[in-house]
């Protein structure tokens, strides 16, 4: 092969000595040569044309792919015929002939593939880093991080085979994991339906204002922390102090309104209960991020930092709320921007193996109906929310709309979507003055006494 000419061509296209290696060029030539040697091997190659560094190699690989899809045998003659007048763009028939004679065996084509792919990743990272260094904007930084994650995941293959999976399932058949396989929510019926919150799941809590979305999510976070877990809470609407007031109120049963002026409004009993709650809260591994403008990149970086500090603990992530996350990049429509966020958050949940609880608004269409109970179609701004979510829970309080109802302080939690389990409605007691959710059984047993 005329490696020198290929290197010159490569430099013309990329002009970067850091990625200009003979190993890349030789590996590309060997992949193409292996296909000429054993044409059926094209079906085992997972590379795409863009993974090749030289334009003529991209063209040739695409032609090979097209021939395979058409059921035509791959050899120098069929490739040349497929190229037609474009054959001069790759250096003429001589280049095809050289490639066909370049590979002594197709046995090592997998190794050649890996070399091509690794250098493709390196070129992309260098390009993204150069863009960031030139622009140094939040958008460029986010693009670089996305590219880094994309390149890390590219070409990854599961190491486990069928036997490994079956052995893991066999072990689970003989291992008692208890009633829960995920993080305890603190609510019996919710645990029964979900088995606890699973790592990797994107969980949507949706509802109209004043339905208790934030309080519900904070209660789940508090229960996780109370059982030696950790919580990252991203609040894009409320400041940290206000959220802590709510948590302390739920722990102490001191009315939330009193925290506005505790010196004047607290009783002696309130002081005792508040001090106990503050002592308990101080022991928890709970992190509240209340910057008003946060991107998915900011959220991901904070979660990564928390996991480095607490690698072995149960970890729940709460984001309040979806429509306030800062969008980077340009999108034709706002719903597409929101869709990109839910997709990234689902990827983050899988990457860090944590349940991500994402609060979301519902559209005003709910208010126009006689029955104000929310439906999936009421999810605001993006149909992709439904697609990306593993669990969708929608909250409804009848006493918000009807003050004479007998169902006072009852919140319906409608599990409208559950990718790996049942759907249905559960009811919880909501003591709004304390920002506190409880199992209904607790109130029933108290009344019976």
Protein backbone atom coordinates (compact mmCIF):
# COMPACT_ATOMS: atom_id res chain seq x y z
CA UNK A 1 0.00 0.00 0.00
CA UNK A 2 1.05 3.57 -0.68
CA UNK A 3 0.96 4.65 2.94
CA UNK A 4 2.81 7.90 2.32
CA UNK A 5 0.15 9.12 -0.12
CA UNK A 6 -2.57 8.13 2.33
CA UNK A 7 -0.88 10.08 5.10
CA UNK A 8 -0.68 13.16 2.92
CA UNK A 9 -4.35 12.80 2.07
CA UNK A 10 -5.16 12.39 5.75
CA UNK A 11 -3.24 15.54 6.64
CA UNK A 12 -5.12 17.45 3.96
CA UNK A 13 -8.42 16.45 5.49
CA UNK A 14 -7.54 16.89 9.16
CA UNK A 15 -4.35 18.88 9.44
CA UNK A 16 -3.67 17.58 12.93
CA UNK A 17 -0.50 15.64 13.74
CA UNK A 18 -1.98 14.42 17.05
CA UNK A 19 -4.34 12.08 15.26
CA UNK A 20 -2.20 11.46 12.18
CA UNK A 21 -0.93 7.97 12.89
CA UNK A 22 0.12 5.26 10.56
CA UNK A 23 -1.73 2.74 12.75
CA UNK A 24 -5.08 4.34 11.88
CA UNK A 25 -4.38 4.28 8.17
CA UNK A 26 -3.14 0.72 8.16
CA UNK A 27 -6.11 -0.44 10.23
CA UNK A 28 -8.57 1.19 7.81
CA UNK A 29 -6.83 -0.42 4.86
CA UNK A 30 -6.86 -3.80 6.57
CA UNK A 31 -10.62 -3.56 7.28
CA UNK A 32 -11.36 -2.80 3.65
CA UNK A 33 -8.88 -5.42 2.46
CA UNK A 34 -10.49 -8.03 4.74
CA UNK A 35 -13.86 -7.40 3.09
CA UNK A 36 -12.34 -7.98 -0.34
CA UNK A 37 -10.74 -11.17 1.00
CA UNK A 38 -13.93 -12.47 2.69
CA UNK A 39 -16.93 -10.43 1.44
CA UNK A 40 -19.40 -11.97 3.91
CA UNK A 41 -17.45 -10.44 6.78
CA UNK A 42 -19.06 -7.09 5.94
CA UNK A 43 -22.11 -8.28 7.91
CA UNK A 44 -19.98 -8.64 11.08
CA UNK A 45 -18.39 -5.21 10.89
CA UNK A 46 -20.12 -2.58 13.04
CA UNK A 47 -18.19 0.41 11.71
CA UNK A 48 -19.95 3.20 9.82
CA UNK A 49 -18.46 5.20 6.91
CA UNK A 50 -17.94 8.27 9.12
CA UNK A 51 -15.62 6.26 11.38
CA UNK A 52 -12.99 6.23 8.63
CA UNK A 53 -10.51 9.10 8.55
CA UNK A 54 -9.84 9.36 4.82
CA UNK A 55 -12.55 10.48 2.41
CA UNK A 56 -11.85 7.77 -0.17
CA UNK A 57 -12.00 5.04 2.49
CA UNK A 58 -15.37 6.40 3.64
CA UNK A 59 -16.61 6.24 0.04
CA UNK A 60 -15.35 2.70 -0.48
CA UNK A 61 -16.84 1.37 2.75
CA UNK A 62 -20.22 2.90 1.93
CA UNK A 63 -20.11 1.29 -1.53
CA UNK A 64 -19.33 -2.06 0.07
CA UNK A 65 -22.27 -1.65 2.45
CA UNK A 66 -24.59 -0.73 -0.42
CA UNK A 67 -23.52 -3.77 -2.44
CA UNK A 68 -24.13 -6.04 0.55
CA UNK A 69 -27.63 -4.58 1.05
CA UNK A 70 -28.39 -5.17 -2.63
CA UNK A 71 -27.20 -8.76 -2.37
CA UNK A 72 -24.33 -8.21 -4.84
CA UNK A 73 -20.98 -9.86 -4.23
CA UNK A 74 -18.12 -7.58 -3.21
CA UNK A 75 -14.95 -7.68 -5.31
CA UNK A 76 -12.79 -5.08 -7.09
CA UNK A 77 -14.91 -5.31 -10.26
CA UNK A 78 -18.33 -4.82 -8.57
CA UNK A 79 -16.96 -2.00 -6.42
CA UNK A 80 -15.51 -0.23 -9.45
CA UNK A 81 -18.78 -0.69 -11.34
CA UNK A 82 -20.78 0.72 -8.42
CA UNK A 83 -18.50 3.75 -8.23
CA UNK A 84 -18.85 4.49 -11.94
CA UNK A 85 -17.42 7.86 -12.85
CA UNK A 86 -16.74 8.57 -9.17
CA UNK A 87 -13.90 6.05 -9.22
CA UNK A 88 -11.44 8.86 -9.90
CA UNK A 89 -12.44 10.43 -6.57
CA UNK A 90 -10.69 7.56 -4.80
CA UNK A 91 -7.57 7.53 -6.95
CA UNK A 92 -8.71 5.22 -9.74
CA UNK A 93 -8.86 1.40 -10.07
CA UNK A 94 -5.28 1.02 -8.83
CA UNK A 95 -6.28 2.04 -5.28
CA UNK A 96 -8.99 -0.65 -5.22
CA UNK A 97 -6.53 -3.25 -6.44
CA UNK A 98 -3.96 -2.27 -3.80
CA UNK A 99 -6.58 -2.57 -1.05
CA UNK A 100 -7.73 -5.97 -2.29
CA UNK A 101 -4.17 -7.27 -1.99
CA UNK A 102 -3.32 -5.53 1.29
CA UNK A 103 -4.82 -7.91 3.85
CA UNK A 104 -3.22 -11.37 4.23
CA UNK A 105 -6.05 -12.68 6.50
CA UNK A 106 -9.47 -11.55 7.72
CA UNK A 107 -8.96 -13.27 11.06
CA UNK A 108 -7.94 -10.09 12.88
CA UNK A 109 -10.58 -7.78 11.44
CA UNK A 110 -12.06 -7.21 14.94
CA UNK A 111 -8.76 -5.79 16.15
CA UNK A 112 -8.56 -3.51 13.09
CA UNK A 113 -12.09 -2.31 13.80
CA UNK A 114 -11.19 -1.35 17.35
CA UNK A 115 -8.18 0.66 16.18
CA UNK A 116 -10.28 2.56 13.63
CA UNK A 117 -12.97 3.28 16.23
CA UNK A 118 -10.53 4.44 18.92
CA UNK A 119 -8.91 6.92 16.55
CA UNK A 120 -12.34 8.12 15.44
CA UNK A 121 -13.19 8.82 19.09
CA UNK A 122 -9.91 10.67 19.58
CA UNK A 123 -10.48 12.87 16.54
CA UNK A 124 -13.96 13.80 17.75
CA UNK A 125 -12.76 14.64 21.25
CA UNK A 126 -9.92 16.79 19.91
CA UNK A 127 -12.33 18.61 17.63
CA UNK A 128 -14.84 19.21 20.44
CA UNK A 129 -12.08 20.38 22.80
CA UNK A 130 -10.76 22.78 20.16
CA UNK A 131 -14.26 24.22 19.69
CA UNK A 132 -14.59 24.77 23.42
CA UNK A 133 -11.17 26.43 23.67
CA UNK A 134 -12.07 28.77 20.82
CA UNK A 135 -15.55 29.69 22.03
CA UNK A 136 -15.42 29.07 25.80
CA UNK A 137 -19.20 29.31 26.21
CA UNK A 138 -21.62 27.24 28.30
CA UNK A 139 -23.06 25.82 25.11
CA UNK A 140 -19.61 24.75 23.86
CA UNK A 141 -18.81 23.21 27.25
CA UNK A 142 -22.09 21.27 27.18
CA UNK A 143 -21.37 20.11 23.62
CA UNK A 144 -17.93 18.91 24.68
CA UNK A 145 -19.35 16.96 27.64
CA UNK A 146 -22.04 15.38 25.48
CA UNK A 147 -19.42 14.41 22.92
CA UNK A 148 -17.25 12.92 25.67
CA UNK A 149 -20.13 10.76 26.96
CA UNK A 150 -21.07 9.76 23.40
CA UNK A 151 -17.51 8.70 22.60
CA UNK A 152 -17.21 6.79 25.89
CA UNK A 153 -20.31 4.75 25.07
CA UNK A 154 -19.52 4.23 21.38
CA UNK A 155 -18.58 0.68 20.54
CA UNK A 156 -19.17 -0.62 24.06
CA UNK A 157 -20.23 -4.23 24.03
CA UNK A 158 -21.63 -6.31 26.83
CA UNK A 159 -19.03 -8.60 28.27
CA UNK A 160 -21.63 -11.01 29.65
CA UNK A 161 -22.83 -13.93 27.59
CA UNK A 162 -26.07 -15.89 27.83
CA UNK A 163 -24.67 -18.23 30.48
CA UNK A 164 -23.68 -15.29 32.69
CA UNK A 165 -27.21 -13.86 32.53
CA UNK A 166 -28.84 -17.22 33.28
CA UNK A 167 -26.50 -17.76 36.23
CA UNK A 168 -27.41 -14.35 37.63
CA UNK A 169 -31.12 -15.15 37.29
CA UNK A 170 -30.55 -18.56 38.94
CA UNK A 171 -28.87 -16.87 41.91
CA UNK A 172 -31.77 -14.41 42.25
CA UNK A 173 -34.19 -17.36 42.40
CA UNK A 174 -32.42 -18.55 45.57
CA UNK A 175 -31.77 -15.16 47.22
CA UNK A 176 -34.30 -13.34 49.38
CA UNK A 177 -34.02 -9.65 48.55
CA UNK A 178 -36.76 -8.70 50.97
CA UNK A 179 -39.96 -6.96 50.00
CA UNK A 180 -38.20 -4.14 48.16
CA UNK A 181 -35.73 -4.33 45.32
CA UNK A 182 -35.32 -0.56 45.09
CA UNK A 183 -35.18 2.48 47.39
CA UNK A 184 -37.92 2.60 50.02
CA UNK A 185 -40.28 5.51 49.29
CA UNK A 186 -41.75 5.46 52.80
CA UNK A 187 -45.24 4.72 51.44
CA UNK A 188 -46.54 1.18 51.72
CA UNK A 189 -48.87 1.06 48.71
CA UNK A 190 -46.39 2.85 46.49
CA UNK A 191 -43.69 0.38 47.52
CA UNK A 192 -46.04 -2.51 46.80
CA UNK A 193 -46.67 -1.28 43.26
CA UNK A 194 -43.10 -0.28 42.39
CA UNK A 195 -40.94 -2.52 44.58
CA UNK A 196 -39.12 0.68 45.52
CA UNK A 197 -37.43 3.19 43.24
CA UNK A 198 -34.94 1.50 40.89
CA UNK A 199 -31.58 2.80 39.76
CA UNK A 200 -31.65 3.86 36.12
CA UNK A 201 -35.32 4.87 36.19
CA UNK A 202 -36.62 8.29 35.20
CA UNK A 203 -39.66 8.97 37.39
CA UNK A 204 -42.03 11.82 36.58
CA UNK A 205 -44.16 13.41 39.31
CA UNK A 206 -46.67 15.68 37.58
CA UNK A 207 -49.53 17.82 38.77
CA UNK A 208 -51.09 21.25 38.69
CA UNK A 209 -49.86 23.89 41.21
CA UNK A 210 -50.71 23.22 44.89
CA UNK A 211 -51.17 19.48 44.39
CA UNK A 212 -48.15 18.71 46.62
CA UNK A 213 -45.51 17.71 44.04
CA UNK A 214 -42.57 19.29 45.86
CA UNK A 215 -43.67 18.08 49.29
CA UNK A 216 -44.15 14.55 47.96
CA UNK A 217 -40.67 14.48 46.42
CA UNK A 218 -39.09 15.94 49.57
CA UNK A 219 -40.79 13.28 51.69
CA UNK A 220 -39.29 10.55 49.50
CA UNK A 221 -35.84 12.20 49.77
CA UNK A 222 -36.19 12.49 53.55
CA UNK A 223 -37.14 8.82 53.88
CA UNK A 224 -34.13 7.79 51.77
CA UNK A 225 -31.77 9.89 53.93
CA UNK A 226 -33.36 8.66 57.15
CA UNK A 227 -32.33 5.14 56.09
CA UNK A 228 -28.68 6.09 55.52
CA UNK A 229 -29.20 7.01 51.89
CA UNK A 230 -28.25 10.24 50.11
CA UNK A 231 -30.26 12.77 48.13
CA UNK A 232 -29.38 15.41 45.56
CA UNK A 233 -32.18 17.96 45.30
CA UNK A 234 -32.06 20.45 42.44
CA UNK A 235 -34.47 23.29 43.16
CA UNK A 236 -34.82 25.73 40.29
CA UNK A 237 -37.73 27.62 41.87
CA UNK A 238 -37.38 27.68 45.66
CA UNK A 239 -34.29 28.73 47.65
CA UNK A 240 -32.61 26.19 49.90
CA UNK A 241 -33.84 27.80 53.13
CA UNK A 242 -37.47 27.48 52.06
CA UNK A 243 -37.01 23.81 51.17
CA UNK A 244 -35.30 23.11 54.49
CA UNK A 245 -38.21 24.78 56.30
CA UNK A 246 -40.55 22.34 54.56
CA UNK A 247 -38.43 19.33 55.47
CA UNK A 248 -38.11 20.46 59.10
CA UNK A 249 -41.85 21.08 59.26
CA UNK A 250 -42.59 17.52 58.08
CA UNK A 251 -40.10 16.10 60.61
CA UNK A 252 -41.27 18.16 63.57
CA UNK A 253 -45.00 18.58 62.92
CA UNK A 254 -44.53 22.32 63.38
CA UNK A 255 -46.80 24.23 61.02
CA UNK A 256 -45.00 25.63 58.01
CA UNK A 257 -46.48 29.11 58.48
CA UNK A 258 -44.76 29.45 61.86
CA UNK A 259 -41.29 29.25 60.29
CA UNK A 260 -41.82 32.71 58.80
CA UNK A 261 -41.38 34.22 62.27
CA UNK A 262 -40.47 31.48 64.75
CA UNK A 263 -39.35 33.91 67.47
CA UNK A 264 -42.90 35.24 67.79
CA UNK A 265 -44.92 32.19 66.70
CA UNK A 266 -43.14 29.15 68.19
CA UNK A 267 -44.39 27.71 71.44
CA UNK A 268 -42.02 26.03 73.89
CA UNK A 269 -43.09 22.67 72.46
CA UNK A 270 -42.43 23.94 68.93
CA UNK A 271 -38.88 24.88 69.90
CA UNK A 272 -38.22 21.42 71.28
CA UNK A 273 -39.64 19.69 68.23
CA UNK A 274 -37.81 22.05 65.83
CA UNK A 275 -34.47 21.51 67.57
CA UNK A 276 -34.92 17.74 67.38
CA UNK A 277 -35.77 17.97 63.66
CA UNK A 278 -32.76 20.22 62.98
CA UNK A 279 -30.48 17.75 64.76
CA UNK A 280 -31.88 14.91 62.67
CA UNK A 281 -31.59 16.89 59.41
CA UNK A 282 -27.99 17.81 60.25
CA UNK A 283 -27.00 14.14 60.26
CA UNK A 284 -28.36 13.43 56.79
CA UNK A 285 -26.39 13.30 53.55
CA UNK A 286 -28.68 15.65 51.67
CA UNK A 287 -27.47 18.19 49.14
CA UNK A 288 -29.69 21.03 47.93
CA UNK A 289 -28.63 22.86 44.77
CA UNK A 290 -30.79 25.98 44.48
CA UNK A 291 -29.13 27.95 41.68
CA UNK A 292 -31.99 29.31 39.54
CA UNK A 293 -30.34 28.61 36.17
CA UNK A 294 -29.11 25.04 36.01
CA UNK A 295 -28.41 22.96 32.92
CA UNK A 296 -28.42 19.19 32.61
CA UNK A 297 -24.63 19.44 32.55
CA UNK A 298 -24.66 21.21 35.94
CA UNK A 299 -26.98 18.55 37.35
CA UNK A 300 -24.87 15.70 35.98
CA UNK A 301 -21.65 17.18 37.39
CA UNK A 302 -23.18 17.56 40.86
CA UNK A 303 -24.53 13.98 40.84
CA UNK A 304 -21.13 12.67 39.78
CA UNK A 305 -19.48 14.57 42.66
CA UNK A 306 -21.97 13.15 45.16
CA UNK A 307 -21.41 9.60 43.93
CA UNK A 308 -17.66 9.99 44.32
CA UNK A 309 -18.19 11.00 47.96
CA UNK A 310 -20.77 8.27 48.69
CA UNK A 311 -20.13 5.38 46.29
CA UNK A 312 -21.90 2.67 48.31
CA UNK A 313 -25.08 4.38 49.55
CA UNK A 314 -28.58 4.42 48.09
CA UNK A 315 -28.88 7.64 46.12
CA UNK A 316 -31.95 9.49 44.88
CA UNK A 317 -31.93 12.55 42.60
CA UNK A 318 -34.82 15.05 42.62
CA UNK A 319 -35.25 17.88 40.11
CA UNK A 320 -37.88 20.56 40.71
CA UNK A 321 -38.87 21.14 37.98
CA UNK A 322 -38.47 20.16 34.31
CA UNK A 323 -39.71 23.34 32.64
CA UNK A 324 -37.19 25.50 34.55
CA UNK A 325 -34.07 23.61 33.46
CA UNK A 326 -31.92 25.88 31.30
CA UNK A 327 -31.78 24.67 27.70
CA UNK A 328 -28.52 24.93 25.80
CA UNK A 329 -28.42 24.80 22.03
CA UNK A 330 -31.00 25.77 19.45
CA UNK A 331 -34.23 23.92 18.77
CA UNK A 332 -36.98 24.63 16.28
CA UNK A 333 -39.64 24.21 18.95
CA UNK A 334 -39.70 24.35 22.72
CA UNK A 335 -41.15 20.86 23.02
CA UNK A 336 -38.08 19.53 21.17
CA UNK A 337 -35.84 21.28 23.70
CA UNK A 338 -37.76 19.72 26.60
CA UNK A 339 -37.52 16.36 24.85
CA UNK A 340 -33.74 16.66 24.67
CA UNK A 341 -33.66 17.29 28.43
CA UNK A 342 -35.75 14.24 29.35
CA UNK A 343 -33.61 12.08 27.07
CA UNK A 344 -30.40 13.29 28.74
CA UNK A 345 -31.83 12.82 32.23
CA UNK A 346 -32.83 9.24 31.37
CA UNK A 347 -29.28 8.62 30.13
CA UNK A 348 -27.94 10.15 33.36
CA UNK A 349 -30.14 7.86 35.45
CA UNK A 350 -28.69 4.85 33.65
CA UNK A 351 -25.12 6.17 33.68
CA UNK A 352 -25.10 6.64 37.48
CA UNK A 353 -27.63 3.87 38.22
CA UNK A 354 -29.81 6.17 40.32
CA UNK A 355 -33.55 6.89 40.29
CA UNK A 356 -34.11 10.40 38.95
CA UNK A 357 -37.35 12.00 40.14
CA UNK A 358 -38.32 14.79 37.77
CA UNK A 359 -41.19 17.10 38.68
CA UNK A 360 -43.25 18.47 35.82
CA UNK A 361 -46.12 20.85 35.27
CA UNK A 362 -49.37 19.85 33.67
CA UNK A 363 -51.11 21.94 31.03
CA UNK A 364 -54.05 24.20 31.87
CA UNK A 365 -56.31 21.90 29.87
CA UNK A 366 -56.99 20.12 33.16
CA UNK A 367 -58.86 23.17 34.44
CA UNK A 368 -61.24 23.19 31.47
CA UNK A 369 -62.65 19.73 32.21
CA UNK A 370 -65.39 18.87 34.66
CA UNK A 371 -63.26 16.02 36.03
CA UNK A 372 -60.00 17.70 37.00
CA UNK A 373 -58.09 14.46 37.40
CA UNK A 374 -55.01 14.68 35.16
CA UNK A 375 -54.34 12.41 32.20
CA UNK A 376 -51.17 11.54 30.30
CA UNK A 377 -52.15 13.95 27.53
CA UNK A 378 -51.94 16.79 30.06
CA UNK A 379 -48.15 16.48 30.38
CA UNK A 380 -46.94 19.89 29.36
CA UNK A 381 -44.55 20.72 26.50
CA UNK A 382 -43.41 17.33 25.28
CA UNK A 383 -44.75 13.95 24.26
CA UNK A 384 -41.22 12.65 24.78
CA UNK A 385 -41.78 12.87 28.55
CA UNK A 386 -44.10 9.89 28.21
CA UNK A 387 -41.62 8.10 25.97
CA UNK A 388 -38.53 8.61 28.15
CA UNK A 389 -40.12 8.07 31.57
CA UNK A 390 -40.15 4.69 33.28
CA UNK A 391 -42.78 5.76 35.80
CA UNK A 392 -45.26 8.63 35.58
CA UNK A 393 -47.17 9.61 38.72
CA UNK A 394 -49.85 12.32 38.58
CA UNK A 395 -51.14 13.95 41.75
CA UNK A 396 -54.70 15.10 42.35
CA UNK A 397 -56.40 16.70 45.39
CA UNK A 398 -60.16 16.77 45.32
CA UNK A 399 -60.33 19.23 48.23
CA UNK A 400 -58.43 21.78 46.16
CA UNK A 401 -61.40 22.05 43.79
CA UNK A 402 -64.22 21.13 46.18
CA UNK A 403 -63.88 22.38 49.75
CA UNK A 404 -67.02 20.51 50.81
CA UNK A 405 -65.70 17.11 49.76
CA UNK A 406 -65.43 14.30 52.28
CA UNK A 407 -61.98 13.41 50.91
CA UNK A 408 -60.18 16.17 52.77
CA UNK A 409 -56.39 15.97 52.94
CA UNK A 410 -56.37 13.02 50.53
CA UNK A 411 -54.05 13.01 47.53
CA UNK A 412 -54.60 10.54 44.72
CA UNK A 413 -51.35 9.32 43.21
CA UNK A 414 -52.16 7.97 39.77
CA UNK A 415 -49.38 5.72 38.49
CA UNK A 416 -50.34 6.24 34.86
CA UNK A 417 -47.25 4.62 33.37
CA UNK A 418 -45.04 1.91 34.83
CA UNK A 419 -42.63 0.35 32.38
CA UNK A 420 -41.89 -2.66 34.55
CA UNK A 421 -44.93 -3.02 36.75
CA UNK A 422 -48.62 -2.32 37.41
CA UNK A 423 -50.48 0.95 37.01
CA UNK A 424 -53.27 2.25 39.18
CA UNK A 425 -54.29 4.82 41.80
CA UNK A 426 -53.18 4.91 45.42
CA UNK A 427 -54.26 7.36 48.10
CA UNK A 428 -52.08 9.14 50.63
CA UNK A 429 -52.81 11.45 53.51
CA UNK A 430 -51.43 14.95 52.89
CA UNK A 431 -51.08 17.23 55.91
CA UNK A 432 -50.44 20.39 53.96
CA UNK A 433 -49.68 22.56 56.97
CA UNK A 434 -46.70 20.28 57.72
CA UNK A 435 -45.75 19.50 54.06
CA UNK A 436 -46.15 15.89 55.12
CA UNK A 437 -47.43 12.81 53.28
CA UNK A 438 -48.37 9.68 55.20
CA UNK A 439 -49.90 6.27 54.60
CA UNK A 440 -53.66 6.35 55.04
CA UNK A 441 -53.41 3.31 57.33
CA UNK A 442 -51.65 5.51 59.87
CA UNK A 443 -54.60 7.91 60.11
CA UNK A 444 -57.14 5.06 60.17
CA UNK A 445 -55.37 3.31 63.04
CA UNK A 446 -55.06 6.59 64.96
CA UNK A 447 -58.79 7.26 64.57
CA UNK A 448 -59.64 3.72 65.73
CA UNK A 449 -57.73 4.28 68.93
